[in-house]
Amino acid sequence: MKRKKKLDYWKAIDHVPKNCGYDKKFKYHVDMHSNGIMGDCIQWCVNNCKDKWGWWFKDGPNYSPLHHNWEEQDSYMSFENKREATAFFLASGMANMGDHSR
């Protein structure tokens, strides 16, 4: 899945492989300590991952599906490959953790 030409932030979302992306869970999870996934996290994965990856959300205790109060969810990035999970964490994950402004 790794691309030769790096895609910018705006084009990367259109190139998420079909077996990757939203609501995909794999063996290795990175807790983003946030309620959202930034576009540069997706961009990093599109440009650097060879194996499957995705992102998903875990409902917090105050989450209500009726109100879809997304700010009460926790976000996770997920990877099939441990090395890619670690590389993501070091390259992009740490910079985006803990931001609840989404």
PDB file of N, CA and C in Angstrom:
ATOM      1  N   MET A   1       0.797  -1.197   0.000  1.00  0.00           N
ATOM      2  CA  MET A   1       0.000   0.000   0.000  1.00  0.00           C
ATOM      3  C   MET A   1       0.845   1.269   0.000  1.00  0.00           C
ATOM      4  N   LYS A   2       2.102   1.193   0.286  1.00  0.00           N
ATOM      5  CA  LYS A   2       2.933   2.395   0.355  1.00  0.00           C
ATOM      6  C   LYS A   2       3.036   3.039  -1.025  1.00  0.00           C
ATOM      7  N   ARG A   3       2.881   4.339  -1.052  1.00  0.00           N
ATOM      8  CA  ARG A   3       2.898   5.104  -2.293  1.00  0.00           C
ATOM      9  C   ARG A   3       4.285   5.673  -2.520  1.00  0.00           C
ATOM     10  N   LYS A   4       4.663   5.808  -3.782  1.00  0.00           N
ATOM     11  CA  LYS A   4       5.945   6.424  -4.108  1.00  0.00           C
ATOM     12  C   LYS A   4       5.866   7.932  -3.961  1.00  0.00           C
ATOM     13  N   LYS A   5       4.779   8.528  -4.452  1.00  0.00           N
ATOM     14  CA  LYS A   5       4.597   9.971  -4.345  1.00  0.00           C
ATOM     15  C   LYS A   5       3.770  10.255  -3.090  1.00  0.00           C
ATOM     16  N   LYS A   6       4.288  11.094  -2.220  1.00  0.00           N
ATOM     17  CA  LYS A   6       3.587  11.448  -0.989  1.00  0.00           C
ATOM     18  C   LYS A   6       2.407  12.358  -1.310  1.00  0.00           C
ATOM     19  N   LEU A   7       1.269  12.046  -0.727  1.00  0.00           N
ATOM     20  CA  LEU A   7       0.071  12.856  -0.934  1.00  0.00           C
ATOM     21  C   LEU A   7      -0.036  13.911   0.147  1.00  0.00           C
ATOM     22  N   ASP A   8      -0.564  15.062  -0.218  1.00  0.00           N
ATOM     23  CA  ASP A   8      -0.762  16.106   0.782  1.00  0.00           C
ATOM     24  C   ASP A   8      -2.007  15.794   1.607  1.00  0.00           C
ATOM     25  N   TYR A   9      -2.185  16.593   2.608  1.00  0.00           N
ATOM     26  CA  TYR A   9      -3.278  16.448   3.566  1.00  0.00           C
ATOM     27  C   TYR A   9      -4.638  16.308   2.891  1.00  0.00           C
ATOM     28  N   TRP A  10      -4.927  17.137   1.914  1.00  0.00           N
ATOM     29  CA  TRP A  10      -6.252  17.182   1.300  1.00  0.00           C
ATOM     30  C   TRP A  10      -6.514  16.012   0.357  1.00  0.00           C
ATOM     31  N   LYS A  11      -5.487  15.472  -0.266  1.00  0.00           N
ATOM     32  CA  LYS A  11      -5.675  14.370  -1.207  1.00  0.00           C
ATOM     33  C   LYS A  11      -5.620  13.004  -0.542  1.00  0.00           C
ATOM     34  N   ALA A  12      -4.967  12.915   0.601  1.00  0.00           N
ATOM     35  CA  ALA A  12      -4.762  11.622   1.265  1.00  0.00           C
ATOM     36  C   ALA A  12      -6.077  10.931   1.610  1.00  0.00           C
ATOM     37  N   ILE A  13      -7.069  11.676   2.077  1.00  0.00           N
ATOM     38  CA  ILE A  13      -8.334  11.061   2.501  1.00  0.00           C
ATOM     39  C   ILE A  13      -9.023  10.334   1.340  1.00  0.00           C
ATOM     40  N   ASP A  14      -8.791  10.779   0.127  1.00  0.00           N
ATOM     41  CA  ASP A  14      -9.389  10.130  -1.042  1.00  0.00           C
ATOM     42  C   ASP A  14      -8.632   8.871  -1.459  1.00  0.00           C
ATOM     43  N   HIS A  15      -7.521   8.584  -0.799  1.00  0.00           N
ATOM     44  CA  HIS A  15      -6.696   7.438  -1.160  1.00  0.00           C
ATOM     45  C   HIS A  15      -6.565   6.417  -0.029  1.00  0.00           C
ATOM     46  N   VAL A  16      -7.500   6.455   0.908  1.00  0.00           N
ATOM     47  CA  VAL A  16      -7.514   5.437   1.957  1.00  0.00           C
ATOM     48  C   VAL A  16      -7.907   4.119   1.297  1.00  0.00           C
ATOM     49  N   PRO A  17      -7.083   3.076   1.439  1.00  0.00           N
ATOM     50  CA  PRO A  17      -7.430   1.792   0.814  1.00  0.00           C
ATOM     51  C   PRO A  17      -8.758   1.250   1.336  1.00  0.00           C
ATOM     52  N   LYS A  18      -9.444   0.484   0.508  1.00  0.00           N
ATOM     53  CA  LYS A  18     -10.769  -0.031   0.862  1.00  0.00           C
ATOM     54  C   LYS A  18     -10.761  -0.920   2.104  1.00  0.00           C
ATOM     55  N   ASN A  19      -9.647  -1.597   2.371  1.00  0.00           N
ATOM     56  CA  ASN A  19      -9.582  -2.476   3.538  1.00  0.00           C
ATOM     57  C   ASN A  19      -9.013  -1.753   4.766  1.00  0.00           C
ATOM     58  N   CYS A  20      -8.964  -0.434   4.696  1.00  0.00           N
ATOM     59  CA  CYS A  20      -8.467   0.404   5.791  1.00  0.00           C
ATOM     60  C   CYS A  20      -9.485   1.507   6.053  1.00  0.00           C
ATOM     61  N   GLY A  21      -9.258   2.286   7.105  1.00  0.00           N
ATOM     62  CA  GLY A  21     -10.068   3.473   7.329  1.00  0.00           C
ATOM     63  C   GLY A  21     -10.981   3.397   8.528  1.00  0.00           C
ATOM     64  N   TYR A  22     -12.100   4.115   8.424  1.00  0.00           N
ATOM     65  CA  TYR A  22     -13.029   4.276   9.539  1.00  0.00           C
ATOM     66  C   TYR A  22     -13.595   2.944  10.020  1.00  0.00           C
ATOM     67  N   ASP A  23     -13.610   2.807  11.330  1.00  0.00           N
ATOM     68  CA  ASP A  23     -14.191   1.664  12.043  1.00  0.00           C
ATOM     69  C   ASP A  23     -13.491   0.343  11.726  1.00  0.00           C
ATOM     70  N   LYS A  24     -12.221   0.415  11.392  1.00  0.00           N
ATOM     71  CA  LYS A  24     -11.403  -0.786  11.174  1.00  0.00           C
ATOM     72  C   LYS A  24     -10.526  -0.986  12.404  1.00  0.00           C
ATOM     73  N   LYS A  25     -10.597  -2.179  12.978  1.00  0.00           N
ATOM     74  CA  LYS A  25      -9.816  -2.506  14.176  1.00  0.00           C
ATOM     75  C   LYS A  25      -8.878  -3.659  13.861  1.00  0.00           C
ATOM     76  N   PHE A  26      -7.629  -3.489  14.265  1.00  0.00           N
ATOM     77  CA  PHE A  26      -6.617  -4.513  14.062  1.00  0.00           C
ATOM     78  C   PHE A  26      -5.957  -4.836  15.400  1.00  0.00           C
ATOM     79  N   LYS A  27      -4.888  -5.545  15.381  1.00  0.00           N
ATOM     80  CA  LYS A  27      -4.277  -6.053  16.612  1.00  0.00           C
ATOM     81  C   LYS A  27      -3.675  -4.958  17.489  1.00  0.00           C
ATOM     82  N   TYR A  28      -3.089  -3.925  16.886  1.00  0.00           N
ATOM     83  CA  TYR A  28      -2.359  -2.905  17.637  1.00  0.00           C
ATOM     84  C   TYR A  28      -3.105  -1.573  17.612  1.00  0.00           C
ATOM     85  N   HIS A  29      -3.457  -1.080  18.798  1.00  0.00           N
ATOM     86  CA  HIS A  29      -4.227   0.162  18.918  1.00  0.00           C
ATOM     87  C   HIS A  29      -3.376   1.256  19.551  1.00  0.00           C
ATOM     88  N   VAL A  30      -3.565   2.473  19.072  1.00  0.00           N
ATOM     89  CA  VAL A  30      -2.926   3.646  19.663  1.00  0.00           C
ATOM     90  C   VAL A  30      -4.047   4.540  20.180  1.00  0.00           C
ATOM     91  N   ASP A  31      -4.139   4.656  21.498  1.00  0.00           N
ATOM     92  CA  ASP A  31      -5.135   5.521  22.126  1.00  0.00           C
ATOM     93  C   ASP A  31      -4.698   6.958  21.894  1.00  0.00           C
ATOM     94  N   MET A  32      -5.500   7.725  21.196  1.00  0.00           N
ATOM     95  CA  MET A  32      -5.131   9.087  20.856  1.00  0.00           C
ATOM     96  C   MET A  32      -5.423  10.070  21.994  1.00  0.00           C
ATOM     97  N   HIS A  33      -6.034   9.606  23.066  1.00  0.00           N
ATOM     98  CA  HIS A  33      -6.362  10.475  24.205  1.00  0.00           C
ATOM     99  C   HIS A  33      -7.058  11.734  23.711  1.00  0.00           C
ATOM    100  N   SER A  34      -7.996  11.529  22.811  1.00  0.00           N
ATOM    101  CA  SER A  34      -8.702  12.617  22.160  1.00  0.00           C
ATOM    102  C   SER A  34     -10.078  12.119  21.741  1.00  0.00           C
ATOM    103  N   ASN A  35     -10.886  13.014  21.207  1.00  0.00           N
ATOM    104  CA  ASN A  35     -12.214  12.615  20.736  1.00  0.00           C
ATOM    105  C   ASN A  35     -12.317  12.661  19.215  1.00  0.00           C
ATOM    106  N   GLY A  36     -11.191  12.778  18.536  1.00  0.00           N
ATOM    107  CA  GLY A  36     -11.210  12.818  17.079  1.00  0.00           C
ATOM    108  C   GLY A  36      -9.874  12.422  16.484  1.00  0.00           C
ATOM    109  N   ILE A  37      -9.875  12.191  15.183  1.00  0.00           N
ATOM    110  CA  ILE A  37      -8.661  11.844  14.449  1.00  0.00           C
ATOM    111  C   ILE A  37      -8.367  12.976  13.474  1.00  0.00           C
ATOM    112  N   MET A  38      -7.184  13.534  13.584  1.00  0.00           N
ATOM    113  CA  MET A  38      -6.790  14.635  12.701  1.00  0.00           C
ATOM    114  C   MET A  38      -6.434  14.101  11.313  1.00  0.00           C
ATOM    115  N   GLY A  39      -6.632  14.929  10.316  1.00  0.00           N
ATOM    116  CA  GLY A  39      -6.334  14.555   8.939  1.00  0.00           C
ATOM    117  C   GLY A  39      -4.878  14.199   8.706  1.00  0.00           C
ATOM    118  N   ASP A  40      -3.970  14.827   9.458  1.00  0.00           N
ATOM    119  CA  ASP A  40      -2.562  14.491   9.238  1.00  0.00           C
ATOM    120  C   ASP A  40      -2.223  13.095   9.739  1.00  0.00           C
ATOM    121  N   CYS A  41      -3.028  12.531  10.645  1.00  0.00           N
ATOM    122  CA  CYS A  41      -2.845  11.130  11.054  1.00  0.00           C
ATOM    123  C   CYS A  41      -3.196  10.207   9.885  1.00  0.00           C
ATOM    124  N   ILE A  42      -4.289  10.525   9.216  1.00  0.00           N
ATOM    125  CA  ILE A  42      -4.704   9.739   8.052  1.00  0.00           C
ATOM    126  C   ILE A  42      -3.690   9.915   6.925  1.00  0.00           C
ATOM    127  N   GLN A  43      -3.236  11.136   6.729  1.00  0.00           N
ATOM    128  CA  GLN A  43      -2.226  11.398   5.703  1.00  0.00           C
ATOM    129  C   GLN A  43      -0.969  10.571   5.961  1.00  0.00           C
ATOM    130  N   TRP A  44      -0.509  10.529   7.196  1.00  0.00           N
ATOM    131  CA  TRP A  44       0.693   9.765   7.514  1.00  0.00           C
ATOM    132  C   TRP A  44       0.494   8.291   7.153  1.00  0.00           C
ATOM    133  N   CYS A  45      -0.659   7.746   7.498  1.00  0.00           N
ATOM    134  CA  CYS A  45      -0.921   6.326   7.213  1.00  0.00           C
ATOM    135  C   CYS A  45      -0.997   6.045   5.724  1.00  0.00           C
ATOM    136  N   VAL A  46      -1.697   6.898   4.981  1.00  0.00           N
ATOM    137  CA  VAL A  46      -1.793   6.716   3.529  1.00  0.00           C
ATOM    138  C   VAL A  46      -0.399   6.716   2.906  1.00  0.00           C
ATOM    139  N   ASN A  47       0.456   7.603   3.370  1.00  0.00           N
ATOM    140  CA  ASN A  47       1.784   7.759   2.780  1.00  0.00           C
ATOM    141  C   ASN A  47       2.815   6.754   3.281  1.00  0.00           C
ATOM    142  N   ASN A  48       2.579   6.110   4.417  1.00  0.00           N
ATOM    143  CA  ASN A  48       3.631   5.295   5.016  1.00  0.00           C
ATOM    144  C   ASN A  48       3.290   3.836   5.310  1.00  0.00           C
ATOM    145  N   CYS A  49       2.031   3.495   5.387  1.00  0.00           N
ATOM    146  CA  CYS A  49       1.673   2.126   5.784  1.00  0.00           C
ATOM    147  C   CYS A  49       1.591   1.184   4.580  1.00  0.00           C
ATOM    148  N   LYS A  50       2.150   0.006   4.763  1.00  0.00           N
ATOM    149  CA  LYS A  50       2.049  -1.062   3.760  1.00  0.00           C
ATOM    150  C   LYS A  50       0.944  -2.038   4.139  1.00  0.00           C
ATOM    151  N   ASP A  51       0.729  -2.201   5.441  1.00  0.00           N
ATOM    152  CA  ASP A  51      -0.286  -3.134   5.933  1.00  0.00           C
ATOM    153  C   ASP A  51      -1.559  -2.376   6.295  1.00  0.00           C
ATOM    154  N   LYS A  52      -2.555  -3.099   6.764  1.00  0.00           N
ATOM    155  CA  LYS A  52      -3.860  -2.511   7.066  1.00  0.00           C
ATOM    156  C   LYS A  52      -3.799  -1.603   8.295  1.00  0.00           C
ATOM    157  N   TRP A  53      -4.641  -0.581   8.275  1.00  0.00           N
ATOM    158  CA  TRP A  53      -4.738   0.372   9.381  1.00  0.00           C
ATOM    159  C   TRP A  53      -6.131   0.987   9.372  1.00  0.00           C
ATOM    160  N   GLY A  54      -6.486   1.625  10.461  1.00  0.00           N
ATOM    161  CA  GLY A  54      -7.787   2.276  10.528  1.00  0.00           C
ATOM    162  C   GLY A  54      -7.915   3.146  11.759  1.00  0.00           C
ATOM    163  N   TRP A  55      -9.106   3.664  11.965  1.00  0.00           N
ATOM    164  CA  TRP A  55      -9.399   4.430  13.173  1.00  0.00           C
ATOM    165  C   TRP A  55     -10.807   4.088  13.620  1.00  0.00           C
ATOM    166  N   TRP A  56     -11.011   4.188  14.915  1.00  0.00           N
ATOM    167  CA  TRP A  56     -12.310   3.854  15.491  1.00  0.00           C
ATOM    168  C   TRP A  56     -12.517   4.644  16.777  1.00  0.00           C
ATOM    169  N   PHE A  57     -13.742   4.602  17.286  1.00  0.00           N
ATOM    170  CA  PHE A  57     -14.108   5.370  18.465  1.00  0.00           C
ATOM    171  C   PHE A  57     -14.754   4.472  19.513  1.00  0.00           C
ATOM    172  N   LYS A  58     -14.459   4.776  20.745  1.00  0.00           N
ATOM    173  CA  LYS A  58     -15.051   4.064  21.876  1.00  0.00           C
ATOM    174  C   LYS A  58     -15.938   5.060  22.621  1.00  0.00           C
ATOM    175  N   ASP A  59     -17.179   4.665  22.856  1.00  0.00           N
ATOM    176  CA  ASP A  59     -18.108   5.543  23.566  1.00  0.00           C
ATOM    177  C   ASP A  59     -17.691   5.692  25.016  1.00  0.00           C
ATOM    178  N   GLY A  60     -17.668   6.932  25.494  1.00  0.00           N
ATOM    179  CA  GLY A  60     -17.398   7.205  26.894  1.00  0.00           C
ATOM    180  C   GLY A  60     -18.663   7.004  27.715  1.00  0.00           C
ATOM    181  N   PRO A  61     -18.565   7.120  29.035  1.00  0.00           N
ATOM    182  CA  PRO A  61     -19.721   6.867  29.899  1.00  0.00           C
ATOM    183  C   PRO A  61     -20.871   7.853  29.685  1.00  0.00           C
ATOM    184  N   ASN A  62     -20.590   9.041  29.165  1.00  0.00           N
ATOM    185  CA  ASN A  62     -21.638  10.043  28.950  1.00  0.00           C
ATOM    186  C   ASN A  62     -22.091  10.140  27.497  1.00  0.00           C
ATOM    187  N   TYR A  63     -21.633   9.211  26.653  1.00  0.00           N
ATOM    188  CA  TYR A  63     -22.025   9.253  25.242  1.00  0.00           C
ATOM    189  C   TYR A  63     -23.472   8.798  25.083  1.00  0.00           C
ATOM    190  N   SER A  64     -24.202   9.484  24.216  1.00  0.00           N
ATOM    191  CA  SER A  64     -25.592   9.129  23.920  1.00  0.00           C
ATOM    192  C   SER A  64     -25.766   9.013  22.410  1.00  0.00           C
ATOM    193  N   PRO A  65     -26.135   7.817  21.902  1.00  0.00           N
ATOM    194  CA  PRO A  65     -26.366   7.677  20.460  1.00  0.00           C
ATOM    195  C   PRO A  65     -27.505   8.583  19.967  1.00  0.00           C
ATOM    196  N   LEU A  66     -28.430   8.875  20.840  1.00  0.00           N
ATOM    197  CA  LEU A  66     -29.547   9.743  20.483  1.00  0.00           C
ATOM    198  C   LEU A  66     -29.065  11.156  20.161  1.00  0.00           C
ATOM    199  N   HIS A  67     -28.133  11.648  20.951  1.00  0.00           N
ATOM    200  CA  HIS A  67     -27.613  13.007  20.757  1.00  0.00           C
ATOM    201  C   HIS A  67     -26.321  13.033  19.955  1.00  0.00           C
ATOM    202  N   HIS A  68     -25.738  11.889  19.737  1.00  0.00           N
ATOM    203  CA  HIS A  68     -24.435  11.758  19.077  1.00  0.00           C
ATOM    204  C   HIS A  68     -23.475  12.852  19.542  1.00  0.00           C
ATOM    205  N   ASN A  69     -23.291  12.903  20.849  1.00  0.00           N
ATOM    206  CA  ASN A  69     -22.365  13.869  21.432  1.00  0.00           C
ATOM    207  C   ASN A  69     -20.946  13.310  21.316  1.00  0.00           C
ATOM    208  N   TRP A  70     -20.384  13.477  20.120  1.00  0.00           N
ATOM    209  CA  TRP A  70     -19.083  12.904  19.764  1.00  0.00           C
ATOM    210  C   TRP A  70     -17.966  13.324  20.704  1.00  0.00           C
ATOM    211  N   GLU A  71     -18.139  14.448  21.372  1.00  0.00           N
ATOM    212  CA  GLU A  71     -17.094  14.888  22.299  1.00  0.00           C
ATOM    213  C   GLU A  71     -16.952  13.941  23.497  1.00  0.00           C
ATOM    214  N   GLU A  72     -17.902  13.035  23.643  1.00  0.00           N
ATOM    215  CA  GLU A  72     -17.851  12.037  24.724  1.00  0.00           C
ATOM    216  C   GLU A  72     -17.303  10.698  24.232  1.00  0.00           C
ATOM    217  N   GLN A  73     -16.612  10.693  23.100  1.00  0.00           N
ATOM    218  CA  GLN A  73     -15.990   9.487  22.572  1.00  0.00           C
ATOM    219  C   GLN A  73     -14.478   9.594  22.677  1.00  0.00           C
ATOM    220  N   ASP A  74     -13.826   8.445  22.723  1.00  0.00           N
ATOM    221  CA  ASP A  74     -12.371   8.376  22.691  1.00  0.00           C
ATOM    222  C   ASP A  74     -11.955   7.812  21.339  1.00  0.00           C
ATOM    223  N   SER A  75     -10.902   8.376  20.753  1.00  0.00           N
ATOM    224  CA  SER A  75     -10.470   7.944  19.427  1.00  0.00           C
ATOM    225  C   SER A  75      -9.225   7.062  19.505  1.00  0.00           C
ATOM    226  N   TYR A  76      -9.149   6.132  18.558  1.00  0.00           N
ATOM    227  CA  TYR A  76      -8.040   5.192  18.474  1.00  0.00           C
ATOM    228  C   TYR A  76      -7.610   5.034  17.025  1.00  0.00           C
ATOM    229  N   MET A  77      -6.319   4.928  16.815  1.00  0.00           N
ATOM    230  CA  MET A  77      -5.775   4.475  15.534  1.00  0.00           C
ATOM    231  C   MET A  77      -5.453   3.009  15.735  1.00  0.00           C
ATOM    232  N   SER A  78      -5.562   2.220  14.687  1.00  0.00           N
ATOM    233  CA  SER A  78      -5.374   0.783  14.800  1.00  0.00           C
ATOM    234  C   SER A  78      -4.539   0.283  13.621  1.00  0.00           C
ATOM    235  N   PHE A  79      -3.658  -0.678  13.913  1.00  0.00           N
ATOM    236  CA  PHE A  79      -2.710  -1.155  12.908  1.00  0.00           C
ATOM    237  C   PHE A  79      -2.592  -2.669  12.941  1.00  0.00           C
ATOM    238  N   GLU A  80      -2.438  -3.255  11.778  1.00  0.00           N
ATOM    239  CA  GLU A  80      -2.190  -4.682  11.655  1.00  0.00           C
ATOM    240  C   GLU A  80      -0.724  -4.996  11.988  1.00  0.00           C
ATOM    241  N   ASN A  81       0.157  -4.045  11.716  1.00  0.00           N
ATOM    242  CA  ASN A  81       1.593  -4.252  11.857  1.00  0.00           C
ATOM    243  C   ASN A  81       2.130  -3.457  13.052  1.00  0.00           C
ATOM    244  N   LYS A  82       2.821  -4.146  13.960  1.00  0.00           N
ATOM    245  CA  LYS A  82       3.346  -3.515  15.173  1.00  0.00           C
ATOM    246  C   LYS A  82       4.365  -2.422  14.863  1.00  0.00           C
ATOM    247  N   ARG A  83       5.222  -2.656  13.877  1.00  0.00           N
ATOM    248  CA  ARG A  83       6.220  -1.638  13.519  1.00  0.00           C
ATOM    249  C   ARG A  83       5.557  -0.369  12.983  1.00  0.00           C
ATOM    250  N   GLU A  84       4.520  -0.541  12.192  1.00  0.00           N
ATOM    251  CA  GLU A  84       3.820   0.626  11.672  1.00  0.00           C
ATOM    252  C   GLU A  84       3.093   1.368  12.786  1.00  0.00           C
ATOM    253  N   ALA A  85       2.529   0.641  13.746  1.00  0.00           N
ATOM    254  CA  ALA A  85       1.881   1.286  14.893  1.00  0.00           C
ATOM    255  C   ALA A  85       2.892   2.108  15.681  1.00  0.00           C
ATOM    256  N   THR A  86       4.061   1.543  15.896  1.00  0.00           N
ATOM    257  CA  THR A  86       5.113   2.246  16.639  1.00  0.00           C
ATOM    258  C   THR A  86       5.619   3.453  15.857  1.00  0.00           C
ATOM    259  N   ALA A  87       5.845   3.284  14.551  1.00  0.00           N
ATOM    260  CA  ALA A  87       6.311   4.395  13.717  1.00  0.00           C
ATOM    261  C   ALA A  87       5.285   5.525  13.705  1.00  0.00           C
ATOM    262  N   PHE A  88       4.001   5.169  13.608  1.00  0.00           N
ATOM    263  CA  PHE A  88       2.946   6.181  13.640  1.00  0.00           C
ATOM    264  C   PHE A  88       2.971   6.932  14.964  1.00  0.00           C
ATOM    265  N   PHE A  89       3.049   6.183  16.055  1.00  0.00           N
ATOM    266  CA  PHE A  89       3.052   6.797  17.376  1.00  0.00           C
ATOM    267  C   PHE A  89       4.184   7.814  17.512  1.00  0.00           C
ATOM    268  N   LEU A  90       5.360   7.440  17.046  1.00  0.00           N
ATOM    269  CA  LEU A  90       6.515   8.333  17.158  1.00  0.00           C
ATOM    270  C   LEU A  90       6.458   9.505  16.183  1.00  0.00           C
ATOM    271  N   ALA A  91       5.954   9.269  14.974  1.00  0.00           N
ATOM    272  CA  ALA A  91       5.973  10.301  13.936  1.00  0.00           C
ATOM    273  C   ALA A  91       4.788  11.255  13.996  1.00  0.00           C
ATOM    274  N   SER A  92       3.615  10.749  14.304  1.00  0.00           N
ATOM    275  CA  SER A  92       2.418  11.581  14.214  1.00  0.00           C
ATOM    276  C   SER A  92       1.534  11.486  15.447  1.00  0.00           C
ATOM    277  N   GLY A  93       1.459  10.324  16.025  1.00  0.00           N
ATOM    278  CA  GLY A  93       0.543  10.100  17.144  1.00  0.00           C
ATOM    279  C   GLY A  93       0.794  10.991  18.335  1.00  0.00           C
ATOM    280  N   MET A  94       2.043  11.099  18.756  1.00  0.00           N
ATOM    281  CA  MET A  94       2.351  11.907  19.929  1.00  0.00           C
ATOM    282  C   MET A  94       1.985  13.371  19.715  1.00  0.00           C
ATOM    283  N   ALA A  95       2.172  13.871  18.510  1.00  0.00           N
ATOM    284  CA  ALA A  95       1.872  15.273  18.210  1.00  0.00           C
ATOM    285  C   ALA A  95       0.375  15.554  18.235  1.00  0.00           C
ATOM    286  N   ASN A  96      -0.439  14.527  18.029  1.00  0.00           N
ATOM    287  CA  ASN A  96      -1.888  14.720  17.952  1.00  0.00           C
ATOM    288  C   ASN A  96      -2.645  14.220  19.164  1.00  0.00           C
ATOM    289  N   MET A  97      -1.963  13.676  20.127  1.00  0.00           N
ATOM    290  CA  MET A  97      -2.647  13.141  21.311  1.00  0.00           C
ATOM    291  C   MET A  97      -3.121  14.253  22.229  1.00  0.00           C
ATOM    292  N   GLY A  98      -4.260  14.000  22.837  1.00  0.00           N
ATOM    293  CA  GLY A  98      -4.767  14.893  23.872  1.00  0.00           C
ATOM    294  C   GLY A  98      -5.465  16.135  23.375  1.00  0.00           C
ATOM    295  N   ASP A  99      -5.656  16.268  22.076  1.00  0.00           N
ATOM    296  CA  ASP A  99      -6.339  17.442  21.529  1.00  0.00           C
ATOM    297  C   ASP A  99      -7.841  17.164  21.491  1.00  0.00           C
ATOM    298  N   HIS A 100      -8.575  17.805  22.367  1.00  0.00           N
ATOM    299  CA  HIS A 100     -10.032  17.620  22.427  1.00  0.00           C
ATOM    300  C   HIS A 100     -10.788  18.756  21.730  1.00  0.00           C
ATOM    301  N   SER A 101     -10.101  19.479  20.862  1.00  0.00           N
ATOM    302  CA  SER A 101     -10.738  20.616  20.194  1.00  0.00           C
ATOM    303  C   SER A 101     -11.473  20.226  18.920  1.00  0.00           C
ATOM    304  N   ARG A 102     -11.462  18.963  18.553  1.00  0.00           N
ATOM    305  CA  ARG A 102     -12.095  18.537  17.311  1.00  0.00           C
ATOM    306  C   ARG A 102     -13.590  18.523  17.441  1.00  0.00           C
TER     307      ARG A 102
END
